[in-house]
Amino acid sequence: MKPIKSKTSEVKKQKRNQLIIGAILIFVMMGSVFGIIVGSFGKENNSKVEYNGFEFIREGSFWFLELGNFDFRFQYNPNQIEEIDVEINSLNNYYGEPLYFSSENNEASYEIALNLEGIVLRMQNACLNESNCEENLPLKTCEDNFIIIKEGNSTSIVQDNNCVFIQAPQEDMIKISDEFLFQILGIR
């Protein structure tokens, strides 16, 4: 036999069930809204910038450029960096040749090295002259492809024979490295 229930207990049970179902629906709806919001953050990071006929695509915190058979990665796109008026050798001068670095900033040299990795024959740290050579590194001249990165108060890129002297304040080192890459790739 079934126990006898009063109308008030039946109404209370029905209201309690409605509250539970309502709470579950609210939880599901809030979770869906949260998922849409979180999902949209990744899409906002993916954007495109066109500059002088080149298309830069943002993925995460980097800008990517596909040029020929190579993919290049930058921390900045050309619109985010002030252009430096300089005449330097093009990418063809580096293709299949060894590249030497002397750098006071590892991040800046890494930015350049990462992008030129599949293009140059090999990369190596070196010294431009004996007086500044603290380590047991090979001595190279401006007859070799040599990139010298120094921290300084002014921002500049100077080509002297096959040497490129890159100088910028610490906080602008990645920007000037990207500007150097834009210059040799013919983007600017």
Foldseek 3Di string as FASTA:
>chain_A
DDDDDDPVVVVVVVVVVVVVVVVVVVVVVVVVVVVVVVVVVQVVQWDWDDAQNWIWTGHPQWTWTDDDPAIAIANDDPVVADADDADDAALVVQFAAEEEEAEPDPVLVCNLCVRCVVGHNYYYYADCDDVPDPDPHHHDHLCGQYEYEDEDPDFDWYRDNNYIYTYYHPVCSRVSSVSVVCNNPVSD
